[in-house]
Amino acid sequence: MHYSVEIDRRVGPLVGQEDHKGLLELLDSLSNSQFRTAVYMLGERFALDLTTNAFWKLFAVLLQHDSKAFLVVMLKALAQRMERGEASIQDEGFQTLCHMMNEVDRQKTVSFLLPYLNDVDLVKHLFNCFGLEAHEWIPYLIKVNTLPCAFVLFSSLRYIEHDRDYLLRVAYFLMKRGDGLSFNLASLMKAFFGLEELKGTFSLQLKPFELARLETSYKAFCEKMG
């Protein structure tokens, strides 16, 4: 169940008053089914109505209490708040969360949030929050079909350009995805890195002078790849 009148009545006031100690005590007293309902309600209802500061505090408390139960549902709340302009991964509250997370939490957070980031600088900022180096970004970026992530992926490939086999694996992975952006990016990789052994029918036509611009200009990248 995603809603319960009783859970609403008992949890709502504690969240509104930021009585986190009382909230955790209540959560620990619930049955398994009640707890699952409370998890849904905290992420899908209460977390969406808080001030930004109160939201980050609640997220931190719940993450520390039980990250397996609360991480994903609170990340969904964060995504909705980001779309409404009511939270950002540049907030201090997000930095606090990053320091609290274990390795599994970090991986889940990066994978979950990347599709929601509509700015190249935000994509890079997310990775930097977790201290990931550019070559470590690639396994995350190849799974996301957005222009900001595609541009950052292309830039990141510079750090492994000496590893031709890896470049080819990335290109073939993109081609298997089959969407237009991924296929165009594979075509760009073939031209930029000279991957003549990459077989495929590519509709994207690139002139030599365009390659440097596509690497340095996000606007030019979007115009050609989008």
Protein backbone atom coordinates (compact mmCIF):
# COMPACT_ATOMS: atom_id res chain seq x y z
CA MET A 1 0.00 0.00 0.00
CA HIS A 2 1.22 3.47 -0.86
CA TYR A 3 -1.17 5.26 1.47
CA SER A 4 -2.66 4.72 4.90
CA VAL A 5 -4.82 7.14 6.87
CA GLU A 6 -3.26 5.90 10.08
CA ILE A 7 0.31 6.37 8.83
CA ASP A 8 -0.63 9.81 7.55
CA ARG A 9 -2.02 10.73 10.96
CA ARG A 10 0.97 9.44 12.90
CA VAL A 11 3.88 10.30 10.59
CA GLY A 12 2.69 13.64 9.20
CA PRO A 13 2.99 15.69 12.40
CA LEU A 14 6.44 14.26 13.22
CA VAL A 15 7.75 15.17 9.77
CA GLY A 16 6.19 18.62 9.87
CA GLN A 17 7.71 19.35 13.29
CA GLU A 18 11.08 17.88 12.21
CA ASP A 19 10.86 15.51 15.16
CA HIS A 20 13.30 13.06 13.62
CA LYS A 21 13.91 11.15 16.83
CA GLY A 22 10.20 10.56 17.26
CA LEU A 23 9.88 9.63 13.58
CA LEU A 24 12.58 6.97 13.79
CA GLU A 25 11.07 5.54 16.97
CA LEU A 26 7.72 5.31 15.24
CA LEU A 27 9.20 3.67 12.15
CA ASP A 28 10.92 1.06 14.30
CA SER A 29 7.62 0.23 16.02
CA LEU A 30 5.70 -0.46 12.80
CA SER A 31 4.92 -3.85 11.33
CA ASN A 32 6.66 -4.78 8.08
CA SER A 33 3.66 -3.83 5.95
CA GLN A 34 3.14 -0.57 7.82
CA PHE A 35 6.82 0.24 7.48
CA ARG A 36 6.71 -0.26 3.71
CA THR A 37 3.69 2.03 3.49
CA ALA A 38 5.50 4.63 5.60
CA VAL A 39 8.51 4.44 3.29
CA TYR A 40 6.34 5.14 0.26
CA MET A 41 4.51 7.98 1.98
CA LEU A 42 7.68 9.64 3.21
CA GLY A 43 9.12 9.72 -0.30
CA GLU A 44 5.99 10.22 -2.37
CA ARG A 45 4.11 12.68 -0.14
CA PHE A 46 5.86 14.22 2.85
CA ALA A 47 9.28 14.78 1.28
CA LEU A 48 7.70 16.73 -1.57
CA ASP A 49 6.01 19.29 0.65
CA LEU A 50 8.94 20.28 2.87
CA THR A 51 11.16 23.32 2.57
CA THR A 52 14.45 22.60 0.84
CA ASN A 53 16.40 22.64 4.09
CA ALA A 54 13.91 20.37 5.85
CA PHE A 55 13.95 17.98 2.89
CA TRP A 56 17.72 17.53 3.06
CA LYS A 57 17.59 17.00 6.81
CA LEU A 58 14.90 14.33 6.44
CA PHE A 59 16.82 12.63 3.61
CA ALA A 60 19.98 12.48 5.75
CA VAL A 61 18.15 11.09 8.77
CA LEU A 62 16.39 8.38 6.77
CA LEU A 63 19.51 7.47 4.81
CA GLN A 64 21.52 7.04 7.99
CA HIS A 65 18.72 5.02 9.59
CA ASP A 66 18.12 2.56 6.75
CA SER A 67 19.66 3.34 3.37
CA LYS A 68 18.37 0.13 1.75
CA ALA A 69 14.79 1.07 2.52
CA PHE A 70 14.90 4.81 1.89
CA LEU A 71 17.58 5.68 -0.67
CA VAL A 72 15.65 5.04 -3.88
CA VAL A 73 12.34 6.49 -2.72
CA MET A 74 14.08 9.64 -1.50
CA LEU A 75 16.06 9.91 -4.73
CA LYS A 76 12.72 9.83 -6.57
CA ALA A 77 11.55 12.68 -4.35
CA LEU A 78 14.76 14.57 -5.10
CA ALA A 79 14.25 14.12 -8.83
CA GLN A 80 10.75 15.59 -8.59
CA ARG A 81 11.98 18.50 -6.50
CA MET A 82 14.80 19.13 -8.97
CA GLU A 83 12.31 19.27 -11.84
CA ARG A 84 10.29 21.82 -9.83
CA GLY A 85 13.40 23.86 -9.04
CA GLU A 86 13.12 23.10 -5.32
CA ALA A 87 16.39 21.22 -4.85
CA SER A 88 19.73 20.81 -6.58
CA ILE A 89 22.71 18.49 -6.32
CA GLN A 90 24.69 21.68 -5.79
CA ASP A 91 22.93 22.22 -2.45
CA GLU A 92 24.97 21.77 0.69
CA GLY A 93 22.47 19.14 1.79
CA PHE A 94 23.43 16.91 -1.10
CA GLN A 95 27.12 17.25 -0.23
CA THR A 96 26.29 16.04 3.28
CA LEU A 97 24.53 12.98 1.88
CA CYS A 98 27.50 12.12 -0.33
CA HIS A 99 29.78 11.86 2.69
CA MET A 100 27.29 9.55 4.42
CA MET A 101 26.86 7.07 1.58
CA ASN A 102 28.60 3.73 1.23
CA GLU A 103 29.90 2.51 -2.12
CA VAL A 104 26.66 0.81 -3.12
CA ASP A 105 24.66 3.93 -2.24
CA ARG A 106 27.00 6.06 -4.33
CA GLN A 107 26.64 3.82 -7.36
CA LYS A 108 22.86 3.78 -7.07
CA THR A 109 22.73 7.55 -6.64
CA VAL A 110 24.88 8.33 -9.66
CA SER A 111 23.00 5.88 -11.88
CA PHE A 112 19.63 7.17 -10.74
CA LEU A 113 20.32 10.90 -11.02
CA LEU A 114 22.24 11.12 -14.30
CA PRO A 115 19.14 10.95 -16.55
CA TYR A 116 17.63 13.92 -14.69
CA LEU A 117 20.59 16.26 -15.17
CA ASN A 118 20.02 18.59 -18.11
CA ASP A 119 23.30 20.47 -17.86
CA VAL A 120 26.84 19.34 -18.65
CA ASP A 121 28.27 21.07 -15.58
CA LEU A 122 25.77 19.28 -13.33
CA VAL A 123 26.76 15.91 -14.79
CA LYS A 124 30.42 16.62 -14.02
CA HIS A 125 29.51 17.98 -10.61
CA LEU A 126 27.71 14.77 -9.69
CA PHE A 127 30.80 12.70 -10.44
CA ASN A 128 33.04 15.15 -8.63
CA CYS A 129 30.84 14.92 -5.53
CA PHE A 130 31.90 11.30 -5.20
CA GLY A 131 35.52 11.84 -6.17
CA LEU A 132 35.28 9.84 -9.39
CA GLU A 133 37.93 10.42 -12.03
CA ALA A 134 36.98 10.98 -15.68
CA HIS A 135 37.76 7.44 -16.86
CA GLU A 136 35.50 6.12 -14.08
CA TRP A 137 32.56 8.09 -15.47
CA ILE A 138 32.33 6.05 -18.66
CA PRO A 139 30.49 2.92 -17.34
CA TYR A 140 27.76 5.19 -15.95
CA LEU A 141 27.49 7.51 -18.95
CA ILE A 142 27.13 4.82 -21.63
CA LYS A 143 23.86 3.75 -20.00
CA VAL A 144 22.19 7.17 -20.23
CA ASN A 145 20.56 8.48 -23.39
CA THR A 146 20.71 12.26 -22.90
CA LEU A 147 22.70 14.91 -24.74
CA PRO A 148 24.54 16.20 -21.63
CA CYS A 149 25.67 12.68 -20.73
CA ALA A 150 26.62 11.90 -24.34
CA PHE A 151 28.76 15.05 -24.50
CA VAL A 152 30.51 14.29 -21.21
CA LEU A 153 31.02 10.70 -22.33
CA PHE A 154 32.68 11.86 -25.55
CA SER A 155 34.96 14.19 -23.58
CA SER A 156 35.79 11.43 -21.09
CA LEU A 157 36.86 9.03 -23.83
CA ARG A 158 39.93 11.21 -24.32
CA TYR A 159 41.29 9.72 -21.10
CA ILE A 160 41.25 6.18 -22.48
CA GLU A 161 42.01 6.93 -26.16
CA HIS A 162 45.18 4.81 -25.89
CA ASP A 163 43.00 1.75 -25.19
CA ARG A 164 41.61 0.97 -28.63
CA ASP A 165 39.86 -2.22 -27.51
CA TYR A 166 37.98 -0.31 -24.82
CA LEU A 167 36.95 2.38 -27.31
CA LEU A 168 35.60 -0.28 -29.64
CA ARG A 169 33.67 -1.98 -26.83
CA VAL A 170 32.08 1.36 -25.92
CA ALA A 171 31.19 2.08 -29.55
CA TYR A 172 29.65 -1.35 -30.10
CA PHE A 173 27.70 -1.05 -26.84
CA LEU A 174 26.26 2.25 -28.07
CA MET A 175 25.35 0.74 -31.43
CA LYS A 176 23.54 -2.15 -29.75
CA ARG A 177 21.34 0.36 -27.91
CA GLY A 178 20.03 1.30 -31.32
CA ASP A 179 18.72 4.81 -30.66
CA GLY A 180 19.72 7.71 -32.88
CA LEU A 181 21.86 9.56 -30.35
CA SER A 182 23.85 6.45 -29.41
CA PHE A 183 24.42 5.50 -33.06
CA ASN A 184 25.54 9.03 -33.91
CA LEU A 185 27.92 9.01 -30.96
CA ALA A 186 29.43 5.73 -32.17
CA SER A 187 29.84 7.29 -35.61
CA LEU A 188 31.56 10.29 -34.02
CA MET A 189 33.89 7.96 -32.11
CA LYS A 190 34.80 6.17 -35.33
CA ALA A 191 35.77 9.43 -37.04
CA PHE A 192 37.43 11.08 -34.05
CA PHE A 193 39.50 8.12 -32.86
CA GLY A 194 40.07 6.55 -36.28
CA LEU A 195 38.22 3.32 -35.48
CA GLU A 196 38.15 2.06 -39.05
CA GLU A 197 37.41 -1.50 -37.89
CA LEU A 198 34.08 -0.35 -36.44
CA LYS A 199 31.51 -1.74 -38.86
CA GLY A 200 28.11 -0.22 -39.35
CA THR A 201 25.98 1.96 -41.58
CA PHE A 202 26.23 5.49 -40.21
CA SER A 203 24.03 8.33 -41.41
CA LEU A 204 26.01 11.00 -39.55
CA GLN A 205 28.46 12.68 -41.90
CA LEU A 206 31.33 14.58 -40.30
CA LYS A 207 33.94 16.82 -41.88
CA PRO A 208 37.42 16.94 -40.33
CA PHE A 209 37.08 20.55 -39.21
CA GLU A 210 33.88 19.70 -37.33
CA LEU A 211 35.48 17.14 -35.03
CA ALA A 212 37.38 19.61 -32.85
CA ARG A 213 34.30 21.81 -32.46
CA LEU A 214 32.15 18.87 -31.36
CA GLU A 215 34.62 18.07 -28.61
CA THR A 216 34.79 21.61 -27.22
CA SER A 217 31.36 23.11 -27.96
CA TYR A 218 28.27 21.61 -26.36
CA LYS A 219 26.11 23.77 -28.61
CA ALA A 220 27.78 22.39 -31.75
CA PHE A 221 27.54 18.87 -30.32
CA CYS A 222 23.80 19.21 -29.76
CA GLU A 223 23.22 20.68 -33.21
CA LYS A 224 24.95 17.76 -34.87
CA MET A 225 23.98 14.91 -32.58
CA GLY A 226 20.49 15.85 -31.45
